[in-house]
Amino acid sequence: MEMPFNYCLHCHVTQLSYLQVVDAWGTVDVLINNAGITRDGLLMRMKKSQWQEVIDLNLTGLFLCTQGRIINITSVVGLVGNAGQANYSAAKAGVIGFTKSVAKEYASRNINVFTIDGGMVM
């Protein structure tokens, strides 16, 4: 089923290119944050750049794009952790906590905010 005025924009979440949608259509009705990267390594060997790249994309990008009806795609790793993925686990746990906080802030405005916590299927 095609909806009128459907517009999708693929962009890098650490930049504000999604504002093109606001300029063109006036509002963002639904936003799905599905960005995520890993730079796996043991924390004691992890470079600051590995940490920062994961946090910038997985968490700061989320902050920059939070408006409309919000679906944040995250990972079960944010709930349970994983060896060699301290940066990724921290970023995804941050997404989960961020989402819970924003959901409470936006509830009075009837703005829905939730996560889908994906995991490996074997």
PDB file of N, CA and C in Angstrom:
ATOM      1  N   MET A   1       0.839  -1.177   0.000  1.00  0.00           N
ATOM      2  CA  MET A   1       0.000   0.000   0.000  1.00  0.00           C
ATOM      3  C   MET A   1       0.885   1.240   0.000  1.00  0.00           C
ATOM      4  N   GLU A   2       0.689   2.069  -0.956  1.00  0.00           N
ATOM      5  CA  GLU A   2       1.475   3.292  -1.046  1.00  0.00           C
ATOM      6  C   GLU A   2       0.742   4.429  -0.352  1.00  0.00           C
ATOM      7  N   MET A   3       1.495   5.162   0.429  1.00  0.00           N
ATOM      8  CA  MET A   3       0.915   6.292   1.152  1.00  0.00           C
ATOM      9  C   MET A   3       1.274   7.583   0.428  1.00  0.00           C
ATOM     10  N   PRO A   4       0.370   8.540   0.394  1.00  0.00           N
ATOM     11  CA  PRO A   4       0.704   9.816  -0.228  1.00  0.00           C
ATOM     12  C   PRO A   4       1.782  10.534   0.576  1.00  0.00           C
ATOM     13  N   PHE A   5       2.600  11.264  -0.109  1.00  0.00           N
ATOM     14  CA  PHE A   5       3.646  12.065   0.508  1.00  0.00           C
ATOM     15  C   PHE A   5       4.681  11.226   1.246  1.00  0.00           C
ATOM     16  N   ASN A   6       4.884   9.998   0.793  1.00  0.00           N
ATOM     17  CA  ASN A   6       5.944   9.157   1.344  1.00  0.00           C
ATOM     18  C   ASN A   6       7.286   9.720   0.900  1.00  0.00           C
ATOM     19  N   TYR A   7       8.207   9.883   1.808  1.00  0.00           N
ATOM     20  CA  TYR A   7       9.525  10.376   1.449  1.00  0.00           C
ATOM     21  C   TYR A   7      10.534   9.721   2.361  1.00  0.00           C
ATOM     22  N   CYS A   8      11.500   9.062   1.770  1.00  0.00           N
ATOM     23  CA  CYS A   8      12.570   8.427   2.545  1.00  0.00           C
ATOM     24  C   CYS A   8      13.881   9.099   2.195  1.00  0.00           C
ATOM     25  N   LEU A   9      14.716   9.277   3.177  1.00  0.00           N
ATOM     26  CA  LEU A   9      16.024   9.888   2.969  1.00  0.00           C
ATOM     27  C   LEU A   9      17.068   9.034   3.654  1.00  0.00           C
ATOM     28  N   HIS A  10      18.023   8.576   2.894  1.00  0.00           N
ATOM     29  CA  HIS A  10      19.152   7.834   3.451  1.00  0.00           C
ATOM     30  C   HIS A  10      20.229   8.864   3.764  1.00  0.00           C
ATOM     31  N   CYS A  11      20.669   8.918   4.999  1.00  0.00           N
ATOM     32  CA  CYS A  11      21.678   9.908   5.365  1.00  0.00           C
ATOM     33  C   CYS A  11      22.569   9.366   6.474  1.00  0.00           C
ATOM     34  N   HIS A  12      23.632  10.060   6.729  1.00  0.00           N
ATOM     35  CA  HIS A  12      24.558   9.717   7.803  1.00  0.00           C
ATOM     36  C   HIS A  12      24.064  10.407   9.069  1.00  0.00           C
ATOM     37  N   VAL A  13      23.762   9.626  10.113  1.00  0.00           N
ATOM     38  CA  VAL A  13      23.092  10.178  11.293  1.00  0.00           C
ATOM     39  C   VAL A  13      23.930  11.157  12.100  1.00  0.00           C
ATOM     40  N   THR A  14      25.235  11.196  11.879  1.00  0.00           N
ATOM     41  CA  THR A  14      26.038  12.163  12.624  1.00  0.00           C
ATOM     42  C   THR A  14      26.023  13.536  11.955  1.00  0.00           C
ATOM     43  N   GLN A  15      25.349  13.630  10.822  1.00  0.00           N
ATOM     44  CA  GLN A  15      25.192  14.907  10.139  1.00  0.00           C
ATOM     45  C   GLN A  15      23.722  15.286  10.176  1.00  0.00           C
ATOM     46  N   LEU A  16      23.417  16.501   9.867  1.00  0.00           N
ATOM     47  CA  LEU A  16      22.038  16.967   9.944  1.00  0.00           C
ATOM     48  C   LEU A  16      21.353  16.973   8.579  1.00  0.00           C
ATOM     49  N   SER A  17      21.743  16.064   7.678  1.00  0.00           N
ATOM     50  CA  SER A  17      21.160  16.037   6.340  1.00  0.00           C
ATOM     51  C   SER A  17      19.685  15.667   6.342  1.00  0.00           C
ATOM     52  N   TYR A  18      19.198  15.054   7.435  1.00  0.00           N
ATOM     53  CA  TYR A  18      17.770  14.735   7.508  1.00  0.00           C
ATOM     54  C   TYR A  18      16.917  16.004   7.500  1.00  0.00           C
ATOM     55  N   LEU A  19      17.534  17.153   7.769  1.00  0.00           N
ATOM     56  CA  LEU A  19      16.780  18.409   7.741  1.00  0.00           C
ATOM     57  C   LEU A  19      16.245  18.717   6.349  1.00  0.00           C
ATOM     58  N   GLN A  20      16.778  18.044   5.308  1.00  0.00           N
ATOM     59  CA  GLN A  20      16.239  18.191   3.957  1.00  0.00           C
ATOM     60  C   GLN A  20      14.767  17.797   3.929  1.00  0.00           C
ATOM     61  N   VAL A  21      14.396  16.794   4.710  1.00  0.00           N
ATOM     62  CA  VAL A  21      13.001  16.353   4.787  1.00  0.00           C
ATOM     63  C   VAL A  21      12.147  17.450   5.397  1.00  0.00           C
ATOM     64  N   VAL A  22      12.622  18.048   6.464  1.00  0.00           N
ATOM     65  CA  VAL A  22      11.882  19.130   7.116  1.00  0.00           C
ATOM     66  C   VAL A  22      11.719  20.301   6.156  1.00  0.00           C
ATOM     67  N   ASP A  23      12.787  20.641   5.438  1.00  0.00           N
ATOM     68  CA  ASP A  23      12.702  21.734   4.472  1.00  0.00           C
ATOM     69  C   ASP A  23      11.688  21.429   3.371  1.00  0.00           C
ATOM     70  N   ALA A  24      11.667  20.182   2.898  1.00  0.00           N
ATOM     71  CA  ALA A  24      10.783  19.810   1.793  1.00  0.00           C
ATOM     72  C   ALA A  24       9.336  19.602   2.226  1.00  0.00           C
ATOM     73  N   TRP A  25       9.119  18.982   3.410  1.00  0.00           N
ATOM     74  CA  TRP A  25       7.775  18.557   3.796  1.00  0.00           C
ATOM     75  C   TRP A  25       7.250  19.209   5.074  1.00  0.00           C
ATOM     76  N   GLY A  26       8.110  19.877   5.827  1.00  0.00           N
ATOM     77  CA  GLY A  26       7.648  20.577   7.019  1.00  0.00           C
ATOM     78  C   GLY A  26       7.733  19.794   8.313  1.00  0.00           C
ATOM     79  N   THR A  27       7.642  18.463   8.265  1.00  0.00           N
ATOM     80  CA  THR A  27       7.705  17.653   9.481  1.00  0.00           C
ATOM     81  C   THR A  27       8.373  16.315   9.194  1.00  0.00           C
ATOM     82  N   VAL A  28       8.791  15.675  10.262  1.00  0.00           N
ATOM     83  CA  VAL A  28       9.227  14.286  10.210  1.00  0.00           C
ATOM     84  C   VAL A  28       8.165  13.508  10.976  1.00  0.00           C
ATOM     85  N   ASP A  29       7.431  12.637  10.292  1.00  0.00           N
ATOM     86  CA  ASP A  29       6.349  11.890  10.937  1.00  0.00           C
ATOM     87  C   ASP A  29       6.843  10.621  11.613  1.00  0.00           C
ATOM     88  N   VAL A  30       7.732   9.908  10.963  1.00  0.00           N
ATOM     89  CA  VAL A  30       8.296   8.681  11.527  1.00  0.00           C
ATOM     90  C   VAL A  30       9.781   8.675  11.219  1.00  0.00           C
ATOM     91  N   LEU A  31      10.579   8.360  12.230  1.00  0.00           N
ATOM     92  CA  LEU A  31      12.022   8.271  12.048  1.00  0.00           C
ATOM     93  C   LEU A  31      12.489   6.928  12.579  1.00  0.00           C
ATOM     94  N   ILE A  32      13.196   6.176  11.752  1.00  0.00           N
ATOM     95  CA  ILE A  32      13.770   4.908  12.191  1.00  0.00           C
ATOM     96  C   ILE A  32      15.279   5.080  12.233  1.00  0.00           C
ATOM     97  N   ASN A  33      15.830   5.043  13.441  1.00  0.00           N
ATOM     98  CA  ASN A  33      17.280   5.109  13.618  1.00  0.00           C
ATOM     99  C   ASN A  33      17.817   3.688  13.536  1.00  0.00           C
ATOM    100  N   ASN A  34      18.492   3.370  12.447  1.00  0.00           N
ATOM    101  CA  ASN A  34      18.990   2.019  12.241  1.00  0.00           C
ATOM    102  C   ASN A  34      20.491   2.024  11.998  1.00  0.00           C
ATOM    103  N   ALA A  35      21.158   3.051  12.432  1.00  0.00           N
ATOM    104  CA  ALA A  35      22.600   3.129  12.239  1.00  0.00           C
ATOM    105  C   ALA A  35      23.313   2.353  13.330  1.00  0.00           C
ATOM    106  N   GLY A  36      24.375   1.701  12.969  1.00  0.00           N
ATOM    107  CA  GLY A  36      25.161   0.994  13.967  1.00  0.00           C
ATOM    108  C   GLY A  36      26.428   0.426  13.363  1.00  0.00           C
ATOM    109  N   ILE A  37      27.509   0.544  14.100  1.00  0.00           N
ATOM    110  CA  ILE A  37      28.777  -0.052  13.686  1.00  0.00           C
ATOM    111  C   ILE A  37      29.425  -0.709  14.894  1.00  0.00           C
ATOM    112  N   THR A  38      30.351  -1.582  14.617  1.00  0.00           N
ATOM    113  CA  THR A  38      31.184  -2.164  15.669  1.00  0.00           C
ATOM    114  C   THR A  38      32.638  -1.937  15.305  1.00  0.00           C
ATOM    115  N   ARG A  39      33.443  -1.781  16.296  1.00  0.00           N
ATOM    116  CA  ARG A  39      34.903  -1.751  16.177  1.00  0.00           C
ATOM    117  C   ARG A  39      35.400  -2.597  17.340  1.00  0.00           C
ATOM    118  N   ASP A  40      35.212  -3.910  17.208  1.00  0.00           N
ATOM    119  CA  ASP A  40      35.447  -4.831  18.311  1.00  0.00           C
ATOM    120  C   ASP A  40      36.910  -4.879  18.741  1.00  0.00           C
ATOM    121  N   GLY A  41      37.106  -5.062  20.016  1.00  0.00           N
ATOM    122  CA  GLY A  41      38.427  -5.216  20.605  1.00  0.00           C
ATOM    123  C   GLY A  41      38.313  -5.193  22.114  1.00  0.00           C
ATOM    124  N   LEU A  42      39.217  -5.863  22.771  1.00  0.00           N
ATOM    125  CA  LEU A  42      39.216  -5.838  24.232  1.00  0.00           C
ATOM    126  C   LEU A  42      39.426  -4.408  24.708  1.00  0.00           C
ATOM    127  N   LEU A  43      38.741  -4.025  25.767  1.00  0.00           N
ATOM    128  CA  LEU A  43      38.793  -2.651  26.255  1.00  0.00           C
ATOM    129  C   LEU A  43      40.219  -2.209  26.555  1.00  0.00           C
ATOM    130  N   MET A  44      41.026  -3.096  27.139  1.00  0.00           N
ATOM    131  CA  MET A  44      42.400  -2.713  27.489  1.00  0.00           C
ATOM    132  C   MET A  44      43.266  -2.438  26.259  1.00  0.00           C
ATOM    133  N   ARG A  45      42.839  -2.904  25.095  1.00  0.00           N
ATOM    134  CA  ARG A  45      43.599  -2.674  23.859  1.00  0.00           C
ATOM    135  C   ARG A  45      42.900  -1.702  22.915  1.00  0.00           C
ATOM    136  N   MET A  46      41.736  -1.243  23.300  1.00  0.00           N
ATOM    137  CA  MET A  46      40.932  -0.396  22.427  1.00  0.00           C
ATOM    138  C   MET A  46      41.529   1.002  22.329  1.00  0.00           C
ATOM    139  N   LYS A  47      41.615   1.490  21.104  1.00  0.00           N
ATOM    140  CA  LYS A  47      42.074   2.855  20.872  1.00  0.00           C
ATOM    141  C   LYS A  47      40.903   3.812  21.084  1.00  0.00           C
ATOM    142  N   LYS A  48      41.245   5.035  21.468  1.00  0.00           N
ATOM    143  CA  LYS A  48      40.206   6.045  21.668  1.00  0.00           C
ATOM    144  C   LYS A  48      39.392   6.232  20.390  1.00  0.00           C
ATOM    145  N   SER A  49      40.034   6.155  19.237  1.00  0.00           N
ATOM    146  CA  SER A  49      39.318   6.331  17.970  1.00  0.00           C
ATOM    147  C   SER A  49      38.276   5.231  17.749  1.00  0.00           C
ATOM    148  N   GLN A  50      38.574   3.995  18.175  1.00  0.00           N
ATOM    149  CA  GLN A  50      37.600   2.907  18.062  1.00  0.00           C
ATOM    150  C   GLN A  50      36.387   3.191  18.946  1.00  0.00           C
ATOM    151  N   TRP A  51      36.650   3.631  20.161  1.00  0.00           N
ATOM    152  CA  TRP A  51      35.574   3.978  21.092  1.00  0.00           C
ATOM    153  C   TRP A  51      34.728   5.110  20.513  1.00  0.00           C
ATOM    154  N   GLN A  52      35.398   6.196  20.108  1.00  0.00           N
ATOM    155  CA  GLN A  52      34.698   7.402  19.681  1.00  0.00           C
ATOM    156  C   GLN A  52      33.865   7.174  18.432  1.00  0.00           C
ATOM    157  N   GLU A  53      34.380   6.420  17.476  1.00  0.00           N
ATOM    158  CA  GLU A  53      33.637   6.168  16.242  1.00  0.00           C
ATOM    159  C   GLU A  53      32.318   5.444  16.523  1.00  0.00           C
ATOM    160  N   VAL A  54      32.362   4.455  17.418  1.00  0.00           N
ATOM    161  CA  VAL A  54      31.155   3.700  17.772  1.00  0.00           C
ATOM    162  C   VAL A  54      30.167   4.585  18.533  1.00  0.00           C
ATOM    163  N   ILE A  55      30.650   5.357  19.495  1.00  0.00           N
ATOM    164  CA  ILE A  55      29.774   6.244  20.273  1.00  0.00           C
ATOM    165  C   ILE A  55      29.169   7.325  19.378  1.00  0.00           C
ATOM    166  N   ASP A  56      29.984   7.927  18.501  1.00  0.00           N
ATOM    167  CA  ASP A  56      29.479   8.983  17.617  1.00  0.00           C
ATOM    168  C   ASP A  56      28.352   8.485  16.723  1.00  0.00           C
ATOM    169  N   LEU A  57      28.544   7.344  16.090  1.00  0.00           N
ATOM    170  CA  LEU A  57      27.523   6.852  15.167  1.00  0.00           C
ATOM    171  C   LEU A  57      26.328   6.254  15.900  1.00  0.00           C
ATOM    172  N   ASN A  58      26.588   5.392  16.877  1.00  0.00           N
ATOM    173  CA  ASN A  58      25.502   4.654  17.529  1.00  0.00           C
ATOM    174  C   ASN A  58      24.707   5.488  18.526  1.00  0.00           C
ATOM    175  N   LEU A  59      25.301   6.509  19.117  1.00  0.00           N
ATOM    176  CA  LEU A  59      24.626   7.247  20.184  1.00  0.00           C
ATOM    177  C   LEU A  59      24.430   8.728  19.864  1.00  0.00           C
ATOM    178  N   THR A  60      25.480   9.430  19.429  1.00  0.00           N
ATOM    179  CA  THR A  60      25.333  10.852  19.114  1.00  0.00           C
ATOM    180  C   THR A  60      24.419  11.052  17.911  1.00  0.00           C
ATOM    181  N   GLY A  61      24.529  10.188  16.915  1.00  0.00           N
ATOM    182  CA  GLY A  61      23.627  10.261  15.764  1.00  0.00           C
ATOM    183  C   GLY A  61      22.180  10.118  16.175  1.00  0.00           C
ATOM    184  N   LEU A  62      21.935   9.260  17.142  1.00  0.00           N
ATOM    185  CA  LEU A  62      20.594   9.066  17.690  1.00  0.00           C
ATOM    186  C   LEU A  62      20.062  10.373  18.282  1.00  0.00           C
ATOM    187  N   PHE A  63      20.888  11.041  19.067  1.00  0.00           N
ATOM    188  CA  PHE A  63      20.513  12.316  19.677  1.00  0.00           C
ATOM    189  C   PHE A  63      20.142  13.348  18.609  1.00  0.00           C
ATOM    190  N   LEU A  64      20.933  13.416  17.543  1.00  0.00           N
ATOM    191  CA  LEU A  64      20.708  14.420  16.507  1.00  0.00           C
ATOM    192  C   LEU A  64      19.408  14.203  15.732  1.00  0.00           C
ATOM    193  N   CYS A  65      18.930  12.971  15.694  1.00  0.00           N
ATOM    194  CA  CYS A  65      17.772  12.636  14.856  1.00  0.00           C
ATOM    195  C   CYS A  65      16.480  12.402  15.622  1.00  0.00           C
ATOM    196  N   THR A  66      16.442  12.658  16.906  1.00  0.00           N
ATOM    197  CA  THR A  66      15.283  12.277  17.710  1.00  0.00           C
ATOM    198  C   THR A  66      14.150  13.289  17.596  1.00  0.00           C
ATOM    199  N   GLN A  67      13.142  12.937  16.780  1.00  0.00           N
ATOM    200  CA  GLN A  67      11.914  13.715  16.640  1.00  0.00           C
ATOM    201  C   GLN A  67      10.887  12.881  15.883  1.00  0.00           C
ATOM    202  N   GLY A  68       9.620  13.269  15.925  1.00  0.00           N
ATOM    203  CA  GLY A  68       8.566  12.507  15.256  1.00  0.00           C
ATOM    204  C   GLY A  68       8.213  11.254  16.034  1.00  0.00           C
ATOM    205  N   ARG A  69       7.683  10.234  15.369  1.00  0.00           N
ATOM    206  CA  ARG A  69       7.518   8.901  15.963  1.00  0.00           C
ATOM    207  C   ARG A  69       8.853   8.218  15.799  1.00  0.00           C
ATOM    208  N   ILE A  70       9.390   7.709  16.866  1.00  0.00           N
ATOM    209  CA  ILE A  70      10.794   7.304  16.851  1.00  0.00           C
ATOM    210  C   ILE A  70      10.933   5.817  17.119  1.00  0.00           C
ATOM    211  N   ILE A  71      11.627   5.140  16.210  1.00  0.00           N
ATOM    212  CA  ILE A  71      11.954   3.727  16.368  1.00  0.00           C
ATOM    213  C   ILE A  71      13.475   3.631  16.337  1.00  0.00           C
ATOM    214  N   ASN A  72      14.059   3.262  17.462  1.00  0.00           N
ATOM    215  CA  ASN A  72      15.507   3.115  17.544  1.00  0.00           C
ATOM    216  C   ASN A  72      15.855   1.633  17.473  1.00  0.00           C
ATOM    217  N   ILE A  73      16.599   1.261  16.445  1.00  0.00           N
ATOM    218  CA  ILE A  73      17.043  -0.118  16.304  1.00  0.00           C
ATOM    219  C   ILE A  73      18.321  -0.262  17.120  1.00  0.00           C
ATOM    220  N   THR A  74      18.333  -1.189  18.046  1.00  0.00           N
ATOM    221  CA  THR A  74      19.498  -1.399  18.891  1.00  0.00           C
ATOM    222  C   THR A  74      19.841  -2.877  18.906  1.00  0.00           C
ATOM    223  N   SER A  75      20.462  -3.348  19.940  1.00  0.00           N
ATOM    224  CA  SER A  75      20.934  -4.727  19.977  1.00  0.00           C
ATOM    225  C   SER A  75      20.753  -5.310  21.364  1.00  0.00           C
ATOM    226  N   VAL A  76      20.513  -6.594  21.402  1.00  0.00           N
ATOM    227  CA  VAL A  76      20.441  -7.306  22.674  1.00  0.00           C
ATOM    228  C   VAL A  76      21.771  -7.182  23.432  1.00  0.00           C
ATOM    229  N   VAL A  77      22.849  -6.905  22.718  1.00  0.00           N
ATOM    230  CA  VAL A  77      24.160  -6.719  23.352  1.00  0.00           C
ATOM    231  C   VAL A  77      24.125  -5.536  24.324  1.00  0.00           C
ATOM    232  N   GLY A  78      23.267  -4.557  24.069  1.00  0.00           N
ATOM    233  CA  GLY A  78      23.100  -3.439  24.998  1.00  0.00           C
ATOM    234  C   GLY A  78      22.468  -3.851  26.315  1.00  0.00           C
ATOM    235  N   LEU A  79      21.815  -4.999  26.340  1.00  0.00           N
ATOM    236  CA  LEU A  79      21.199  -5.519  27.563  1.00  0.00           C
ATOM    237  C   LEU A  79      22.100  -6.500  28.297  1.00  0.00           C
ATOM    238  N   VAL A  80      22.872  -7.299  27.557  1.00  0.00           N
ATOM    239  CA  VAL A  80      23.625  -8.397  28.178  1.00  0.00           C
ATOM    240  C   VAL A  80      25.138  -8.243  28.088  1.00  0.00           C
ATOM    241  N   GLY A  81      25.644  -7.335  27.257  1.00  0.00           N
ATOM    242  CA  GLY A  81      27.087  -7.197  27.077  1.00  0.00           C
ATOM    243  C   GLY A  81      27.658  -8.321  26.233  1.00  0.00           C
ATOM    244  N   ASN A  82      28.906  -8.147  25.814  1.00  0.00           N
ATOM    245  CA  ASN A  82      29.578  -9.159  25.008  1.00  0.00           C
ATOM    246  C   ASN A  82      31.082  -8.919  25.091  1.00  0.00           C
ATOM    247  N   ALA A  83      31.836  -9.963  25.332  1.00  0.00           N
ATOM    248  CA  ALA A  83      33.297  -9.839  25.413  1.00  0.00           C
ATOM    249  C   ALA A  83      33.840  -9.256  24.117  1.00  0.00           C
ATOM    250  N   GLY A  84      34.743  -8.317  24.243  1.00  0.00           N
ATOM    251  CA  GLY A  84      35.363  -7.695  23.080  1.00  0.00           C
ATOM    252  C   GLY A  84      34.516  -6.604  22.444  1.00  0.00           C
ATOM    253  N   GLN A  85      33.380  -6.292  23.043  1.00  0.00           N
ATOM    254  CA  GLN A  85      32.491  -5.275  22.477  1.00  0.00           C
ATOM    255  C   GLN A  85      32.074  -4.240  23.529  1.00  0.00           C
ATOM    256  N   ALA A  86      33.001  -3.818  24.371  1.00  0.00           N
ATOM    257  CA  ALA A  86      32.665  -2.839  25.418  1.00  0.00           C
ATOM    258  C   ALA A  86      32.132  -1.545  24.819  1.00  0.00           C
ATOM    259  N   ASN A  87      32.748  -1.074  23.742  1.00  0.00           N
ATOM    260  CA  ASN A  87      32.298   0.174  23.120  1.00  0.00           C
ATOM    261  C   ASN A  87      30.906   0.014  22.515  1.00  0.00           C
ATOM    262  N   TYR A  88      30.686  -1.068  21.788  1.00  0.00           N
ATOM    263  CA  TYR A  88      29.394  -1.333  21.156  1.00  0.00           C
ATOM    264  C   TYR A  88      28.313  -1.579  22.211  1.00  0.00           C
ATOM    265  N   SER A  89      28.637  -2.378  23.228  1.00  0.00           N
ATOM    266  CA  SER A  89      27.682  -2.655  24.310  1.00  0.00           C
ATOM    267  C   SER A  89      27.288  -1.371  25.028  1.00  0.00           C
ATOM    268  N   ALA A  90      28.273  -0.520  25.313  1.00  0.00           N
ATOM    269  CA  ALA A  90      27.999   0.751  25.988  1.00  0.00           C
ATOM    270  C   ALA A  90      27.124   1.650  25.123  1.00  0.00           C
ATOM    271  N   ALA A  91      27.433   1.716  23.829  1.00  0.00           N
ATOM    272  CA  ALA A  91      26.642   2.552  22.924  1.00  0.00           C
ATOM    273  C   ALA A  91      25.204   2.056  22.842  1.00  0.00           C
ATOM    274  N   LYS A  92      25.014   0.752  22.709  1.00  0.00           N
ATOM    275  CA  LYS A  92      23.661   0.199  22.582  1.00  0.00           C
ATOM    276  C   LYS A  92      22.896   0.283  23.902  1.00  0.00           C
ATOM    277  N   ALA A  93      23.566   0.110  25.035  1.00  0.00           N
ATOM    278  CA  ALA A  93      22.914   0.322  26.333  1.00  0.00           C
ATOM    279  C   ALA A  93      22.513   1.788  26.467  1.00  0.00           C
ATOM    280  N   GLY A  94      23.360   2.678  25.969  1.00  0.00           N
ATOM    281  CA  GLY A  94      23.032   4.101  25.959  1.00  0.00           C
ATOM    282  C   GLY A  94      21.802   4.392  25.118  1.00  0.00           C
ATOM    283  N   VAL A  95      21.684   3.731  23.969  1.00  0.00           N
ATOM    284  CA  VAL A  95      20.503   3.892  23.115  1.00  0.00           C
ATOM    285  C   VAL A  95      19.248   3.459  23.872  1.00  0.00           C
ATOM    286  N   ILE A  96      19.327   2.340  24.573  1.00  0.00           N
ATOM    287  CA  ILE A  96      18.178   1.830  25.322  1.00  0.00           C
ATOM    288  C   ILE A  96      17.783   2.804  26.436  1.00  0.00           C
ATOM    289  N   GLY A  97      18.764   3.267  27.224  1.00  0.00           N
ATOM    290  CA  GLY A  97      18.481   4.224  28.292  1.00  0.00           C
ATOM    291  C   GLY A  97      17.968   5.551  27.756  1.00  0.00           C
ATOM    292  N   PHE A  98      18.589   6.032  26.692  1.00  0.00           N
ATOM    293  CA  PHE A  98      18.165   7.269  26.036  1.00  0.00           C
ATOM    294  C   PHE A  98      16.710   7.149  25.589  1.00  0.00           C
ATOM    295  N   THR A  99      16.381   6.026  24.962  1.00  0.00           N
ATOM    296  CA  THR A  99      15.028   5.806  24.455  1.00  0.00           C
ATOM    297  C   THR A  99      14.007   5.802  25.583  1.00  0.00           C
ATOM    298  N   LYS A 100      14.326   5.133  26.684  1.00  0.00           N
ATOM    299  CA  LYS A 100      13.404   5.100  27.827  1.00  0.00           C
ATOM    300  C   LYS A 100      13.171   6.505  28.381  1.00  0.00           C
ATOM    301  N   SER A 101      14.234   7.295  28.486  1.00  0.00           N
ATOM    302  CA  SER A 101      14.109   8.662  29.004  1.00  0.00           C
ATOM    303  C   SER A 101      13.291   9.546  28.074  1.00  0.00           C
ATOM    304  N   VAL A 102      13.595   9.486  26.776  1.00  0.00           N
ATOM    305  CA  VAL A 102      12.880  10.309  25.805  1.00  0.00           C
ATOM    306  C   VAL A 102      11.411   9.889  25.718  1.00  0.00           C
ATOM    307  N   ALA A 103      11.138   8.585  25.821  1.00  0.00           N
ATOM    308  CA  ALA A 103       9.746   8.107  25.804  1.00  0.00           C
ATOM    309  C   ALA A 103       8.953   8.738  26.944  1.00  0.00           C
ATOM    310  N   LYS A 104       9.562   8.846  28.107  1.00  0.00           N
ATOM    311  CA  LYS A 104       8.887   9.467  29.254  1.00  0.00           C
ATOM    312  C   LYS A 104       8.703  10.971  29.039  1.00  0.00           C
ATOM    313  N   GLU A 105       9.704  11.628  28.467  1.00  0.00           N
ATOM    314  CA  GLU A 105       9.602  13.064  28.205  1.00  0.00           C
ATOM    315  C   GLU A 105       8.525  13.379  27.173  1.00  0.00           C
ATOM    316  N   TYR A 106       8.442  12.561  26.126  1.00  0.00           N
ATOM    317  CA  TYR A 106       7.558  12.847  24.998  1.00  0.00           C
ATOM    318  C   TYR A 106       6.153  12.266  25.151  1.00  0.00           C
ATOM    319  N   ALA A 107       5.922  11.432  26.155  1.00  0.00           N
ATOM    320  CA  ALA A 107       4.626  10.755  26.311  1.00  0.00           C
ATOM    321  C   ALA A 107       3.463  11.738  26.400  1.00  0.00           C
ATOM    322  N   SER A 108       3.651  12.835  27.098  1.00  0.00           N
ATOM    323  CA  SER A 108       2.560  13.806  27.260  1.00  0.00           C
ATOM    324  C   SER A 108       2.205  14.499  25.950  1.00  0.00           C
ATOM    325  N   ARG A 109       3.067  14.370  24.959  1.00  0.00           N
ATOM    326  CA  ARG A 109       2.822  14.972  23.643  1.00  0.00           C
ATOM    327  C   ARG A 109       2.358  13.924  22.621  1.00  0.00           C
ATOM    328  N   ASN A 110       2.053  12.723  23.106  1.00  0.00           N
ATOM    329  CA  ASN A 110       1.627  11.609  22.249  1.00  0.00           C
ATOM    330  C   ASN A 110       2.651  11.261  21.172  1.00  0.00           C
ATOM    331  N   ILE A 111       3.931  11.387  21.516  1.00  0.00           N
ATOM    332  CA  ILE A 111       5.007  10.972  20.615  1.00  0.00           C
ATOM    333  C   ILE A 111       5.515   9.630  21.111  1.00  0.00           C
ATOM    334  N   ASN A 112       5.447   8.628  20.242  1.00  0.00           N
ATOM    335  CA  ASN A 112       5.885   7.277  20.588  1.00  0.00           C
ATOM    336  C   ASN A 112       7.375   7.118  20.348  1.00  0.00           C
ATOM    337  N   VAL A 113       8.066   6.548  21.319  1.00  0.00           N
ATOM    338  CA  VAL A 113       9.498   6.296  21.218  1.00  0.00           C
ATOM    339  C   VAL A 113       9.752   4.893  21.756  1.00  0.00           C
ATOM    340  N   PHE A 114      10.372   4.038  20.941  1.00  0.00           N
ATOM    341  CA  PHE A 114      10.672   2.695  21.427  1.00  0.00           C
ATOM    342  C   PHE A 114      11.868   2.114  20.694  1.00  0.00           C
ATOM    343  N   THR A 115      12.370   0.999  21.218  1.00  0.00           N
ATOM    344  CA  THR A 115      13.495   0.311  20.585  1.00  0.00           C
ATOM    345  C   THR A 115      13.055  -1.048  20.073  1.00  0.00           C
ATOM    346  N   ILE A 116      13.779  -1.501  19.090  1.00  0.00           N
ATOM    347  CA  ILE A 116      13.742  -2.896  18.661  1.00  0.00           C
ATOM    348  C   ILE A 116      15.142  -3.417  18.944  1.00  0.00           C
ATOM    349  N   ASP A 117      15.246  -4.360  19.867  1.00  0.00           N
ATOM    350  CA  ASP A 117      16.541  -4.877  20.309  1.00  0.00           C
ATOM    351  C   ASP A 117      16.836  -6.183  19.577  1.00  0.00           C
ATOM    352  N   GLY A 118      17.518  -6.081  18.461  1.00  0.00           N
ATOM    353  CA  GLY A 118      17.815  -7.249  17.638  1.00  0.00           C
ATOM    354  C   GLY A 118      18.948  -8.084  18.207  1.00  0.00           C
ATOM    355  N   GLY A 119      19.014  -9.313  17.762  1.00  0.00           N
ATOM    356  CA  GLY A 119      20.083 -10.219  18.160  1.00  0.00           C
ATOM    357  C   GLY A 119      20.315 -11.245  17.075  1.00  0.00           C
ATOM    358  N   MET A 120      21.349 -12.037  17.262  1.00  0.00           N
ATOM    359  CA  MET A 120      21.669 -13.067  16.272  1.00  0.00           C
ATOM    360  C   MET A 120      20.636 -14.186  16.322  1.00  0.00           C
ATOM    361  N   VAL A 121      20.271 -14.669  15.167  1.00  0.00           N
ATOM    362  CA  VAL A 121      19.369 -15.811  15.051  1.00  0.00           C
ATOM    363  C   VAL A 121      20.188 -16.963  14.498  1.00  0.00           C
ATOM    364  N   MET A 122      20.160 -18.064  15.212  1.00  0.00           N
ATOM    365  CA  MET A 122      20.957 -19.208  14.776  1.00  0.00           C
ATOM    366  C   MET A 122      20.073 -20.316  14.296  1.00  0.00           C
TER     367      MET A 122
END
